[in-house]
């Protein structure tokens, strides 16, 4: 059962841009607030598949944090993730897609664990 939320003032961080409020948000498993239907993409290349996947994740993190604020830029917290990789001419390229999420902090709570990236 999903509980939809439309205002997340209790979970805001100092660098949030406010743009997340234009998307429908919901609480999800793992104390997260996630965008219900909005996905972000990231792409990267590297000499190995692992390097390319890491670069794609970094691309996703950087753009998501830029658009919504650092609390939304956690690939670890993101959901509905996909990662597609291929090798051409000895170089790997990867593309990832995921719905941004951030850690939910109960109103009145002054401490939030770092979600990690």
PDB file of N, CA and C in Angstrom:
ATOM      1  N   UNK A   1       0.843  -1.174   0.000  1.00  0.00           N
ATOM      2  CA  UNK A   1       0.000   0.000   0.000  1.00  0.00           C
ATOM      3  C   UNK A   1       0.888   1.237   0.000  1.00  0.00           C
ATOM      4  N   UNK A   2       0.719   2.079  -0.949  1.00  0.00           N
ATOM      5  CA  UNK A   2       1.508   3.298  -1.051  1.00  0.00           C
ATOM      6  C   UNK A   2       0.741   4.463  -0.455  1.00  0.00           C
ATOM      7  N   UNK A   3       1.450   5.287   0.256  1.00  0.00           N
ATOM      8  CA  UNK A   3       0.868   6.507   0.796  1.00  0.00           C
ATOM      9  C   UNK A   3       1.475   7.653   0.008  1.00  0.00           C
ATOM     10  N   UNK A   4       0.650   8.385  -0.697  1.00  0.00           N
ATOM     11  CA  UNK A   4       1.154   9.496  -1.486  1.00  0.00           C
ATOM     12  C   UNK A   4       1.354  10.713  -0.613  1.00  0.00           C
ATOM     13  N   UNK A   5       2.420  11.439  -0.905  1.00  0.00           N
ATOM     14  CA  UNK A   5       2.669  12.685  -0.192  1.00  0.00           C
ATOM     15  C   UNK A   5       2.937  13.772  -1.220  1.00  0.00           C
ATOM     16  N   UNK A   6       2.593  14.976  -0.867  1.00  0.00           N
ATOM     17  CA  UNK A   6       2.761  16.067  -1.799  1.00  0.00           C
ATOM     18  C   UNK A   6       3.659  17.165  -1.254  1.00  0.00           C
ATOM     19  N   UNK A   7       3.917  17.192   0.012  1.00  0.00           N
ATOM     20  CA  UNK A   7       4.819  18.178   0.602  1.00  0.00           C
ATOM     21  C   UNK A   7       5.772  17.434   1.511  1.00  0.00           C
ATOM     22  N   UNK A   8       7.049  17.728   1.399  1.00  0.00           N
ATOM     23  CA  UNK A   8       8.031  17.011   2.198  1.00  0.00           C
ATOM     24  C   UNK A   8       8.908  17.974   2.973  1.00  0.00           C
ATOM     25  N   UNK A   9       8.327  19.005   3.521  1.00  0.00           N
ATOM     26  CA  UNK A   9       9.104  20.004   4.246  1.00  0.00           C
ATOM     27  C   UNK A   9       9.904  19.373   5.375  1.00  0.00           C
ATOM     28  N   UNK A  10       9.372  18.312   5.988  1.00  0.00           N
ATOM     29  CA  UNK A  10      10.065  17.669   7.100  1.00  0.00           C
ATOM     30  C   UNK A  10      11.334  16.965   6.638  1.00  0.00           C
ATOM     31  N   UNK A  11      11.446  16.660   5.360  1.00  0.00           N
ATOM     32  CA  UNK A  11      12.586  15.899   4.887  1.00  0.00           C
ATOM     33  C   UNK A  11      13.533  16.741   4.047  1.00  0.00           C
ATOM     34  N   UNK A  12      13.365  18.036   4.050  1.00  0.00           N
ATOM     35  CA  UNK A  12      14.174  18.913   3.215  1.00  0.00           C
ATOM     36  C   UNK A  12      15.589  19.067   3.766  1.00  0.00           C
ATOM     37  N   UNK A  13      16.530  19.211   2.860  1.00  0.00           N
ATOM     38  CA  UNK A  13      17.893  19.541   3.268  1.00  0.00           C
ATOM     39  C   UNK A  13      18.202  20.937   2.763  1.00  0.00           C
ATOM     40  N   UNK A  14      19.256  21.517   3.259  1.00  0.00           N
ATOM     41  CA  UNK A  14      19.571  22.912   2.979  1.00  0.00           C
ATOM     42  C   UNK A  14      19.781  23.207   1.497  1.00  0.00           C
ATOM     43  N   UNK A  15      20.262  22.242   0.727  1.00  0.00           N
ATOM     44  CA  UNK A  15      20.550  22.524  -0.678  1.00  0.00           C
ATOM     45  C   UNK A  15      19.461  22.048  -1.639  1.00  0.00           C
ATOM     46  N   UNK A  16      18.294  21.652  -1.122  1.00  0.00           N
ATOM     47  CA  UNK A  16      17.232  21.209  -2.019  1.00  0.00           C
ATOM     48  C   UNK A  16      16.752  22.367  -2.882  1.00  0.00           C
ATOM     49  N   UNK A  17      16.497  22.065  -4.151  1.00  0.00           N
ATOM     50  CA  UNK A  17      16.093  23.092  -5.107  1.00  0.00           C
ATOM     51  C   UNK A  17      14.603  23.361  -5.081  1.00  0.00           C
ATOM     52  N   UNK A  18      13.819  22.443  -4.542  1.00  0.00           N
ATOM     53  CA  UNK A  18      12.372  22.579  -4.536  1.00  0.00           C
ATOM     54  C   UNK A  18      11.708  21.959  -5.754  1.00  0.00           C
ATOM     55  N   UNK A  19      12.481  21.559  -6.755  1.00  0.00           N
ATOM     56  CA  UNK A  19      11.909  20.992  -7.980  1.00  0.00           C
ATOM     57  C   UNK A  19      11.265  19.624  -7.766  1.00  0.00           C
ATOM     58  N   UNK A  20      11.674  18.900  -6.736  1.00  0.00           N
ATOM     59  CA  UNK A  20      11.086  17.576  -6.491  1.00  0.00           C
ATOM     60  C   UNK A  20       9.588  17.689  -6.237  1.00  0.00           C
ATOM     61  N   UNK A  21       9.140  18.835  -5.736  1.00  0.00           N
ATOM     62  CA  UNK A  21       7.724  19.022  -5.406  1.00  0.00           C
ATOM     63  C   UNK A  21       6.824  18.995  -6.644  1.00  0.00           C
ATOM     64  N   UNK A  22       7.384  19.130  -7.840  1.00  0.00           N
ATOM     65  CA  UNK A  22       6.549  19.077  -9.044  1.00  0.00           C
ATOM     66  C   UNK A  22       6.196  17.638  -9.414  1.00  0.00           C
ATOM     67  N   UNK A  23       6.839  16.668  -8.766  1.00  0.00           N
ATOM     68  CA  UNK A  23       6.587  15.260  -9.039  1.00  0.00           C
ATOM     69  C   UNK A  23       5.756  14.653  -7.923  1.00  0.00           C
ATOM     70  N   UNK A  24       4.985  13.617  -8.266  1.00  0.00           N
ATOM     71  CA  UNK A  24       4.257  12.881  -7.246  1.00  0.00           C
ATOM     72  C   UNK A  24       5.263  12.051  -6.458  1.00  0.00           C
ATOM     73  N   UNK A  25       5.156  12.099  -5.148  1.00  0.00           N
ATOM     74  CA  UNK A  25       6.084  11.399  -4.257  1.00  0.00           C
ATOM     75  C   UNK A  25       5.313  10.413  -3.401  1.00  0.00           C
ATOM     76  N   UNK A  26       5.995   9.351  -2.958  1.00  0.00           N
ATOM     77  CA  UNK A  26       5.363   8.413  -2.030  1.00  0.00           C
ATOM     78  C   UNK A  26       6.407   7.818  -1.106  1.00  0.00           C
ATOM     79  N   UNK A  27       5.935   7.363   0.058  1.00  0.00           N
ATOM     80  CA  UNK A  27       6.793   6.647   0.990  1.00  0.00           C
ATOM     81  C   UNK A  27       6.983   5.242   0.442  1.00  0.00           C
ATOM     82  N   UNK A  28       8.197   4.741   0.529  1.00  0.00           N
ATOM     83  CA  UNK A  28       8.472   3.379   0.086  1.00  0.00           C
ATOM     84  C   UNK A  28       9.286   2.649   1.153  1.00  0.00           C
ATOM     85  N   UNK A  29       9.370   1.342   1.007  1.00  0.00           N
ATOM     86  CA  UNK A  29      10.113   0.485   1.929  1.00  0.00           C
ATOM     87  C   UNK A  29      11.524   1.019   2.134  1.00  0.00           C
ATOM     88  N   UNK A  30      12.001   0.926   3.351  1.00  0.00           N
ATOM     89  CA  UNK A  30      13.354   1.352   3.659  1.00  0.00           C
ATOM     90  C   UNK A  30      13.437   2.818   4.061  1.00  0.00           C
ATOM     91  N   UNK A  31      12.360   3.356   4.613  1.00  0.00           N
ATOM     92  CA  UNK A  31      12.308   4.757   5.071  1.00  0.00           C
ATOM     93  C   UNK A  31      12.731   5.721   3.972  1.00  0.00           C
ATOM     94  N   UNK A  32      12.119   5.581   2.805  1.00  0.00           N
ATOM     95  CA  UNK A  32      12.430   6.431   1.661  1.00  0.00           C
ATOM     96  C   UNK A  32      11.193   7.187   1.205  1.00  0.00           C
ATOM     97  N   UNK A  33      11.441   8.334   0.632  1.00  0.00           N
ATOM     98  CA  UNK A  33      10.434   9.071  -0.126  1.00  0.00           C
ATOM     99  C   UNK A  33      10.932   9.026  -1.563  1.00  0.00           C
ATOM    100  N   UNK A  34      10.087   8.532  -2.488  1.00  0.00           N
ATOM    101  CA  UNK A  34      10.512   8.335  -3.874  1.00  0.00           C
ATOM    102  C   UNK A  34       9.561   9.014  -4.849  1.00  0.00           C
ATOM    103  N   UNK A  35      10.104   9.381  -5.981  1.00  0.00           N
ATOM    104  CA  UNK A  35       9.286   9.883  -7.075  1.00  0.00           C
ATOM    105  C   UNK A  35       8.563   8.680  -7.664  1.00  0.00           C
ATOM    106  N   UNK A  36       7.258   8.816  -7.872  1.00  0.00           N
ATOM    107  CA  UNK A  36       6.468   7.649  -8.265  1.00  0.00           C
ATOM    108  C   UNK A  36       6.643   7.263  -9.725  1.00  0.00           C
ATOM    109  N   UNK A  37       6.766   8.225 -10.620  1.00  0.00           N
ATOM    110  CA  UNK A  37       6.819   7.897 -12.044  1.00  0.00           C
ATOM    111  C   UNK A  37       7.941   8.602 -12.788  1.00  0.00           C
ATOM    112  N   UNK A  38       8.746   9.368 -12.107  1.00  0.00           N
ATOM    113  CA  UNK A  38       9.803  10.140 -12.765  1.00  0.00           C
ATOM    114  C   UNK A  38      11.140   9.409 -12.632  1.00  0.00           C
ATOM    115  N   UNK A  39      11.804   9.193 -13.767  1.00  0.00           N
ATOM    116  CA  UNK A  39      13.085   8.496 -13.803  1.00  0.00           C
ATOM    117  C   UNK A  39      14.185   9.459 -14.239  1.00  0.00           C
ATOM    118  N   UNK A  40      15.399   9.186 -13.795  1.00  0.00           N
ATOM    119  CA  UNK A  40      16.580   9.883 -14.287  1.00  0.00           C
ATOM    120  C   UNK A  40      17.506   8.863 -14.928  1.00  0.00           C
ATOM    121  N   UNK A  41      18.311   9.340 -15.870  1.00  0.00           N
ATOM    122  CA  UNK A  41      19.255   8.488 -16.579  1.00  0.00           C
ATOM    123  C   UNK A  41      20.686   8.921 -16.288  1.00  0.00           C
ATOM    124  N   UNK A  42      21.599   8.004 -16.469  1.00  0.00           N
ATOM    125  CA  UNK A  42      23.024   8.294 -16.390  1.00  0.00           C
ATOM    126  C   UNK A  42      23.762   7.410 -17.373  1.00  0.00           C
ATOM    127  N   UNK A  43      24.824   7.931 -17.973  1.00  0.00           N
ATOM    128  CA  UNK A  43      25.600   7.166 -18.949  1.00  0.00           C
ATOM    129  C   UNK A  43      27.078   7.306 -18.645  1.00  0.00           C
ATOM    130  N   UNK A  44      27.837   6.259 -18.931  1.00  0.00           N
ATOM    131  CA  UNK A  44      29.275   6.315 -18.701  1.00  0.00           C
ATOM    132  C   UNK A  44      30.020   5.308 -19.556  1.00  0.00           C
ATOM    133  N   UNK A  45      31.302   5.551 -19.710  1.00  0.00           N
ATOM    134  CA  UNK A  45      32.169   4.652 -20.468  1.00  0.00           C
ATOM    135  C   UNK A  45      33.385   4.303 -19.626  1.00  0.00           C
ATOM    136  N   UNK A  46      34.076   3.225 -20.012  1.00  0.00           N
ATOM    137  CA  UNK A  46      35.282   2.822 -19.317  1.00  0.00           C
ATOM    138  C   UNK A  46      35.957   1.660 -20.003  1.00  0.00           C
ATOM    139  N   UNK A  47      37.167   1.366 -19.565  1.00  0.00           N
ATOM    140  CA  UNK A  47      37.931   0.254 -20.141  1.00  0.00           C
ATOM    141  C   UNK A  47      37.371  -1.100 -19.716  1.00  0.00           C
ATOM    142  N   UNK A  48      36.663  -1.115 -18.570  1.00  0.00           N
ATOM    143  CA  UNK A  48      36.022  -2.337 -18.093  1.00  0.00           C
ATOM    144  C   UNK A  48      34.534  -2.065 -17.876  1.00  0.00           C
ATOM    145  N   UNK A  49      33.783  -3.142 -17.793  1.00  0.00           N
ATOM    146  CA  UNK A  49      32.347  -3.002 -17.524  1.00  0.00           C
ATOM    147  C   UNK A  49      32.123  -2.335 -16.172  1.00  0.00           C
ATOM    148  N   UNK A  50      32.915  -2.724 -15.186  1.00  0.00           N
ATOM    149  CA  UNK A  50      32.790  -2.146 -13.843  1.00  0.00           C
ATOM    150  C   UNK A  50      33.048  -0.645 -13.878  1.00  0.00           C
ATOM    151  N   UNK A  51      34.073  -0.211 -14.603  1.00  0.00           N
ATOM    152  CA  UNK A  51      34.380   1.220 -14.709  1.00  0.00           C
ATOM    153  C   UNK A  51      33.243   1.980 -15.390  1.00  0.00           C
ATOM    154  N   UNK A  52      32.691   1.398 -16.448  1.00  0.00           N
ATOM    155  CA  UNK A  52      31.606   2.052 -17.175  1.00  0.00           C
ATOM    156  C   UNK A  52      30.338   2.138 -16.320  1.00  0.00           C
ATOM    157  N   UNK A  53      30.040   1.078 -15.563  1.00  0.00           N
ATOM    158  CA  UNK A  53      28.867   1.089 -14.687  1.00  0.00           C
ATOM    159  C   UNK A  53      29.037   2.140 -13.590  1.00  0.00           C
ATOM    160  N   UNK A  54      30.239   2.228 -13.035  1.00  0.00           N
ATOM    161  CA  UNK A  54      30.508   3.238 -12.013  1.00  0.00           C
ATOM    162  C   UNK A  54      30.346   4.648 -12.595  1.00  0.00           C
ATOM    163  N   UNK A  55      30.836   4.869 -13.803  1.00  0.00           N
ATOM    164  CA  UNK A  55      30.704   6.176 -14.456  1.00  0.00           C
ATOM    165  C   UNK A  55      29.232   6.508 -14.727  1.00  0.00           C
ATOM    166  N   UNK A  56      28.431   5.514 -15.103  1.00  0.00           N
ATOM    167  CA  UNK A  56      27.001   5.742 -15.332  1.00  0.00           C
ATOM    168  C   UNK A  56      26.288   6.105 -14.031  1.00  0.00           C
ATOM    169  N   UNK A  57      26.643   5.401 -12.950  1.00  0.00           N
ATOM    170  CA  UNK A  57      26.068   5.733 -11.642  1.00  0.00           C
ATOM    171  C   UNK A  57      26.454   7.142 -11.226  1.00  0.00           C
ATOM    172  N   UNK A  58      27.718   7.513 -11.404  1.00  0.00           N
ATOM    173  CA  UNK A  58      28.195   8.845 -11.046  1.00  0.00           C
ATOM    174  C   UNK A  58      27.451   9.913 -11.850  1.00  0.00           C
ATOM    175  N   UNK A  59      27.212   9.642 -13.135  1.00  0.00           N
ATOM    176  CA  UNK A  59      26.466  10.565 -13.982  1.00  0.00           C
ATOM    177  C   UNK A  59      25.044  10.755 -13.448  1.00  0.00           C
ATOM    178  N   UNK A  60      24.411   9.639 -13.059  1.00  0.00           N
ATOM    179  CA  UNK A  60      23.061   9.691 -12.494  1.00  0.00           C
ATOM    180  C   UNK A  60      23.060  10.511 -11.204  1.00  0.00           C
ATOM    181  N   UNK A  61      24.008  10.229 -10.326  1.00  0.00           N
ATOM    182  CA  UNK A  61      24.107  10.928  -9.039  1.00  0.00           C
ATOM    183  C   UNK A  61      24.302  12.430  -9.254  1.00  0.00           C
ATOM    184  N   UNK A  62      25.256  12.780 -10.100  1.00  0.00           N
ATOM    185  CA  UNK A  62      25.587  14.199 -10.297  1.00  0.00           C
ATOM    186  C   UNK A  62      24.407  14.990 -10.839  1.00  0.00           C
ATOM    187  N   UNK A  63      23.729  14.458 -11.853  1.00  0.00           N
ATOM    188  CA  UNK A  63      22.618  15.204 -12.423  1.00  0.00           C
ATOM    189  C   UNK A  63      21.431  15.277 -11.475  1.00  0.00           C
ATOM    190  N   UNK A  64      21.111  14.164 -10.807  1.00  0.00           N
ATOM    191  CA  UNK A  64      19.981  14.140  -9.881  1.00  0.00           C
ATOM    192  C   UNK A  64      20.217  15.109  -8.722  1.00  0.00           C
ATOM    193  N   UNK A  65      21.423  15.111  -8.166  1.00  0.00           N
ATOM    194  CA  UNK A  65      21.753  16.037  -7.077  1.00  0.00           C
ATOM    195  C   UNK A  65      21.714  17.484  -7.556  1.00  0.00           C
ATOM    196  N   UNK A  66      22.170  17.736  -8.776  1.00  0.00           N
ATOM    197  CA  UNK A  66      22.128  19.087  -9.334  1.00  0.00           C
ATOM    198  C   UNK A  66      20.688  19.573  -9.467  1.00  0.00           C
ATOM    199  N   UNK A  67      19.814  18.700  -9.965  1.00  0.00           N
ATOM    200  CA  UNK A  67      18.433  19.111 -10.229  1.00  0.00           C
ATOM    201  C   UNK A  67      17.596  19.259  -8.963  1.00  0.00           C
ATOM    202  N   UNK A  68      17.761  18.349  -7.998  1.00  0.00           N
ATOM    203  CA  UNK A  68      16.879  18.322  -6.823  1.00  0.00           C
ATOM    204  C   UNK A  68      17.570  18.618  -5.494  1.00  0.00           C
ATOM    205  N   UNK A  69      18.885  18.529  -5.434  1.00  0.00           N
ATOM    206  CA  UNK A  69      19.620  18.696  -4.185  1.00  0.00           C
ATOM    207  C   UNK A  69      20.288  17.384  -3.799  1.00  0.00           C
ATOM    208  N   UNK A  70      21.325  17.479  -2.984  1.00  0.00           N
ATOM    209  CA  UNK A  70      22.149  16.302  -2.672  1.00  0.00           C
ATOM    210  C   UNK A  70      21.392  15.172  -1.988  1.00  0.00           C
ATOM    211  N   UNK A  71      20.339  15.481  -1.241  1.00  0.00           N
ATOM    212  CA  UNK A  71      19.604  14.411  -0.564  1.00  0.00           C
ATOM    213  C   UNK A  71      18.906  13.475  -1.550  1.00  0.00           C
ATOM    214  N   UNK A  72      18.646  13.942  -2.768  1.00  0.00           N
ATOM    215  CA  UNK A  72      18.022  13.113  -3.798  1.00  0.00           C
ATOM    216  C   UNK A  72      19.070  12.365  -4.625  1.00  0.00           C
ATOM    217  N   UNK A  73      20.329  12.706  -4.514  1.00  0.00           N
ATOM    218  CA  UNK A  73      21.366  12.140  -5.361  1.00  0.00           C
ATOM    219  C   UNK A  73      22.023  10.896  -4.817  1.00  0.00           C
ATOM    220  N   UNK A  74      21.257  10.011  -4.220  1.00  0.00           N
ATOM    221  CA  UNK A  74      21.794   8.754  -3.705  1.00  0.00           C
ATOM    222  C   UNK A  74      21.364   7.601  -4.612  1.00  0.00           C
ATOM    223  N   UNK A  75      22.301   7.048  -5.363  1.00  0.00           N
ATOM    224  CA  UNK A  75      21.993   5.893  -6.212  1.00  0.00           C
ATOM    225  C   UNK A  75      21.645   4.684  -5.346  1.00  0.00           C
ATOM    226  N   UNK A  76      22.241   4.631  -4.176  1.00  0.00           N
ATOM    227  CA  UNK A  76      21.967   3.532  -3.251  1.00  0.00           C
ATOM    228  C   UNK A  76      20.491   3.510  -2.844  1.00  0.00           C
ATOM    229  N   UNK A  77      19.887   4.677  -2.648  1.00  0.00           N
ATOM    230  CA  UNK A  77      18.487   4.755  -2.247  1.00  0.00           C
ATOM    231  C   UNK A  77      17.516   4.685  -3.420  1.00  0.00           C
ATOM    232  N   UNK A  78      17.986   4.933  -4.632  1.00  0.00           N
ATOM    233  CA  UNK A  78      17.119   4.945  -5.809  1.00  0.00           C
ATOM    234  C   UNK A  78      16.460   3.575  -6.005  1.00  0.00           C
ATOM    235  N   UNK A  79      15.308   3.582  -6.667  1.00  0.00           N
ATOM    236  CA  UNK A  79      14.566   2.338  -6.908  1.00  0.00           C
ATOM    237  C   UNK A  79      14.266   2.187  -8.397  1.00  0.00           C
ATOM    238  N   UNK A  80      13.779   1.026  -8.766  1.00  0.00           N
ATOM    239  CA  UNK A  80      13.453   0.694 -10.161  1.00  0.00           C
ATOM    240  C   UNK A  80      14.673   0.876 -11.060  1.00  0.00           C
ATOM    241  N   UNK A  81      15.827   0.460 -10.562  1.00  0.00           N
ATOM    242  CA  UNK A  81      17.087   0.654 -11.288  1.00  0.00           C
ATOM    243  C   UNK A  81      17.258  -0.363 -12.409  1.00  0.00           C
ATOM    244  N   UNK A  82      17.795   0.125 -13.521  1.00  0.00           N
ATOM    245  CA  UNK A  82      18.253  -0.748 -14.588  1.00  0.00           C
ATOM    246  C   UNK A  82      19.656  -0.305 -14.977  1.00  0.00           C
ATOM    247  N   UNK A  83      20.461  -1.244 -15.449  1.00  0.00           N
ATOM    248  CA  UNK A  83      21.816  -0.952 -15.935  1.00  0.00           C
ATOM    249  C   UNK A  83      22.035  -1.804 -17.169  1.00  0.00           C
ATOM    250  N   UNK A  84      22.231  -1.164 -18.298  1.00  0.00           N
ATOM    251  CA  UNK A  84      22.494  -1.870 -19.553  1.00  0.00           C
ATOM    252  C   UNK A  84      23.883  -1.492 -20.036  1.00  0.00           C
ATOM    253  N   UNK A  85      24.715  -2.496 -20.295  1.00  0.00           N
ATOM    254  CA  UNK A  85      26.096  -2.261 -20.707  1.00  0.00           C
ATOM    255  C   UNK A  85      26.413  -3.027 -21.983  1.00  0.00           C
ATOM    256  N   UNK A  86      27.333  -2.476 -22.760  1.00  0.00           N
ATOM    257  CA  UNK A  86      27.788  -3.162 -23.975  1.00  0.00           C
ATOM    258  C   UNK A  86      29.243  -2.782 -24.237  1.00  0.00           C
ATOM    259  N   UNK A  87      29.922  -3.651 -24.971  1.00  0.00           N
ATOM    260  CA  UNK A  87      31.331  -3.419 -25.316  1.00  0.00           C
ATOM    261  C   UNK A  87      31.455  -3.279 -26.829  1.00  0.00           C
ATOM    262  N   UNK A  88      32.155  -2.235 -27.240  1.00  0.00           N
ATOM    263  CA  UNK A  88      32.423  -2.012 -28.657  1.00  0.00           C
ATOM    264  C   UNK A  88      33.879  -1.582 -28.792  1.00  0.00           C
ATOM    265  N   UNK A  89      34.656  -2.321 -29.562  1.00  0.00           N
ATOM    266  CA  UNK A  89      36.041  -1.954 -29.814  1.00  0.00           C
ATOM    267  C   UNK A  89      36.911  -1.841 -28.569  1.00  0.00           C
ATOM    268  N   UNK A  90      36.648  -2.675 -27.577  1.00  0.00           N
ATOM    269  CA  UNK A  90      37.461  -2.673 -26.371  1.00  0.00           C
ATOM    270  C   UNK A  90      37.062  -1.638 -25.331  1.00  0.00           C
ATOM    271  N   UNK A  91      36.019  -0.868 -25.585  1.00  0.00           N
ATOM    272  CA  UNK A  91      35.536   0.104 -24.595  1.00  0.00           C
ATOM    273  C   UNK A  91      34.109  -0.254 -24.197  1.00  0.00           C
ATOM    274  N   UNK A  92      33.846  -0.179 -22.909  1.00  0.00           N
ATOM    275  CA  UNK A  92      32.519  -0.460 -22.380  1.00  0.00           C
ATOM    276  C   UNK A  92      31.732   0.833 -22.254  1.00  0.00           C
ATOM    277  N   UNK A  93      30.424   0.740 -22.479  1.00  0.00           N
ATOM    278  CA  UNK A  93      29.523   1.858 -22.188  1.00  0.00           C
ATOM    279  C   UNK A  93      28.314   1.303 -21.449  1.00  0.00           C
ATOM    280  N   UNK A  94      27.837   2.069 -20.483  1.00  0.00           N
ATOM    281  CA  UNK A  94      26.690   1.652 -19.683  1.00  0.00           C
ATOM    282  C   UNK A  94      25.694   2.798 -19.574  1.00  0.00           C
ATOM    283  N   UNK A  95      24.437   2.425 -19.457  1.00  0.00           N
ATOM    284  CA  UNK A  95      23.338   3.369 -19.274  1.00  0.00           C
ATOM    285  C   UNK A  95      22.507   2.879 -18.106  1.00  0.00           C
ATOM    286  N   UNK A  96      22.227   3.759 -17.152  1.00  0.00           N
ATOM    287  CA  UNK A  96      21.390   3.394 -16.019  1.00  0.00           C
ATOM    288  C   UNK A  96      20.171   4.301 -15.973  1.00  0.00           C
ATOM    289  N   UNK A  97      19.108   3.767 -15.434  1.00  0.00           N
ATOM    290  CA  UNK A  97      17.861   4.497 -15.232  1.00  0.00           C
ATOM    291  C   UNK A  97      17.348   4.130 -13.851  1.00  0.00           C
ATOM    292  N   UNK A  98      16.829   5.126 -13.106  1.00  0.00           N
ATOM    293  CA  UNK A  98      16.304   4.855 -11.768  1.00  0.00           C
ATOM    294  C   UNK A  98      15.386   5.990 -11.323  1.00  0.00           C
ATOM    295  N   UNK A  99      14.474   5.645 -10.414  1.00  0.00           N
ATOM    296  CA  UNK A  99      13.623   6.667  -9.797  1.00  0.00           C
ATOM    297  C   UNK A  99      14.342   7.232  -8.572  1.00  0.00           C
ATOM    298  N   UNK A 100      14.504   8.546  -8.489  1.00  0.00           N
ATOM    299  CA  UNK A 100      15.171   9.142  -7.335  1.00  0.00           C
ATOM    300  C   UNK A 100      14.361   8.967  -6.036  1.00  0.00           C
ATOM    301  N   UNK A 101      15.093   8.727  -4.962  1.00  0.00           N
ATOM    302  CA  UNK A 101      14.525   8.637  -3.616  1.00  0.00           C
ATOM    303  C   UNK A 101      15.452   9.375  -2.660  1.00  0.00           C
ATOM    304  N   UNK A 102      14.922   9.701  -1.515  1.00  0.00           N
ATOM    305  CA  UNK A 102      15.762  10.239  -0.442  1.00  0.00           C
ATOM    306  C   UNK A 102      15.306   9.626   0.864  1.00  0.00           C
ATOM    307  N   UNK A 103      16.143   9.702   1.850  1.00  0.00           N
ATOM    308  CA  UNK A 103      15.841   9.162   3.171  1.00  0.00           C
ATOM    309  C   UNK A 103      14.705   9.971   3.773  1.00  0.00           C
ATOM    310  N   UNK A 104      13.707   9.296   4.327  1.00  0.00           N
ATOM    311  CA  UNK A 104      12.612   9.970   5.032  1.00  0.00           C
ATOM    312  C   UNK A 104      13.012  10.163   6.479  1.00  0.00           C
ATOM    313  N   UNK A 105      12.881  11.376   6.966  1.00  0.00           N
ATOM    314  CA  UNK A 105      13.165  11.694   8.360  1.00  0.00           C
ATOM    315  C   UNK A 105      11.859  12.117   9.007  1.00  0.00           C
ATOM    316  N   UNK A 106      11.469  11.459  10.092  1.00  0.00           N
ATOM    317  CA  UNK A 106      10.228  11.787  10.773  1.00  0.00           C
ATOM    318  C   UNK A 106      10.248  13.241  11.236  1.00  0.00           C
ATOM    319  N   UNK A 107       9.091  13.914  11.152  1.00  0.00           N
ATOM    320  CA  UNK A 107       9.016  15.276  11.669  1.00  0.00           C
ATOM    321  C   UNK A 107       9.454  15.319  13.135  1.00  0.00           C
ATOM    322  N   UNK A 108      10.221  16.310  13.489  1.00  0.00           N
ATOM    323  CA  UNK A 108      10.714  16.451  14.854  1.00  0.00           C
ATOM    324  C   UNK A 108      12.023  15.737  15.108  1.00  0.00           C
ATOM    325  N   UNK A 109      12.490  14.944  14.132  1.00  0.00           N
ATOM    326  CA  UNK A 109      13.761  14.251  14.253  1.00  0.00           C
ATOM    327  C   UNK A 109      14.852  15.176  13.738  1.00  0.00           C
ATOM    328  N   UNK A 110      15.927  15.304  14.481  1.00  0.00           N
ATOM    329  CA  UNK A 110      16.982  16.233  14.092  1.00  0.00           C
ATOM    330  C   UNK A 110      18.217  15.531  13.563  1.00  0.00           C
ATOM    331  N   UNK A 111      18.189  14.214  13.507  1.00  0.00           N
ATOM    332  CA  UNK A 111      19.359  13.476  13.057  1.00  0.00           C
ATOM    333  C   UNK A 111      18.936  12.512  11.972  1.00  0.00           C
ATOM    334  N   UNK A 112      19.657  12.508  10.880  1.00  0.00           N
ATOM    335  CA  UNK A 112      19.398  11.537   9.810  1.00  0.00           C
ATOM    336  C   UNK A 112      20.701  10.847   9.456  1.00  0.00           C
ATOM    337  N   UNK A 113      20.664   9.527   9.356  1.00  0.00           N
ATOM    338  CA  UNK A 113      21.846   8.790   8.928  1.00  0.00           C
ATOM    339  C   UNK A 113      22.153   9.129   7.485  1.00  0.00           C
ATOM    340  N   UNK A 114      23.402   9.162   7.164  1.00  0.00           N
ATOM    341  CA  UNK A 114      23.812   9.395   5.781  1.00  0.00           C
ATOM    342  C   UNK A 114      23.418   8.194   4.945  1.00  0.00           C
ATOM    343  N   UNK A 115      22.837   8.478   3.773  1.00  0.00           N
ATOM    344  CA  UNK A 115      22.390   7.392   2.908  1.00  0.00           C
ATOM    345  C   UNK A 115      23.542   6.785   2.117  1.00  0.00           C
ATOM    346  N   UNK A 116      24.624   7.504   1.982  1.00  0.00           N
ATOM    347  CA  UNK A 116      25.717   7.032   1.146  1.00  0.00           C
ATOM    348  C   UNK A 116      25.370   7.217  -0.301  1.00  0.00           C
ATOM    349  N   UNK A 117      26.333   7.073  -1.129  1.00  0.00           N
ATOM    350  CA  UNK A 117      26.085   7.252  -2.552  1.00  0.00           C
ATOM    351  C   UNK A 117      26.522   6.003  -3.233  1.00  0.00           C
TER     352      UNK A 117
END
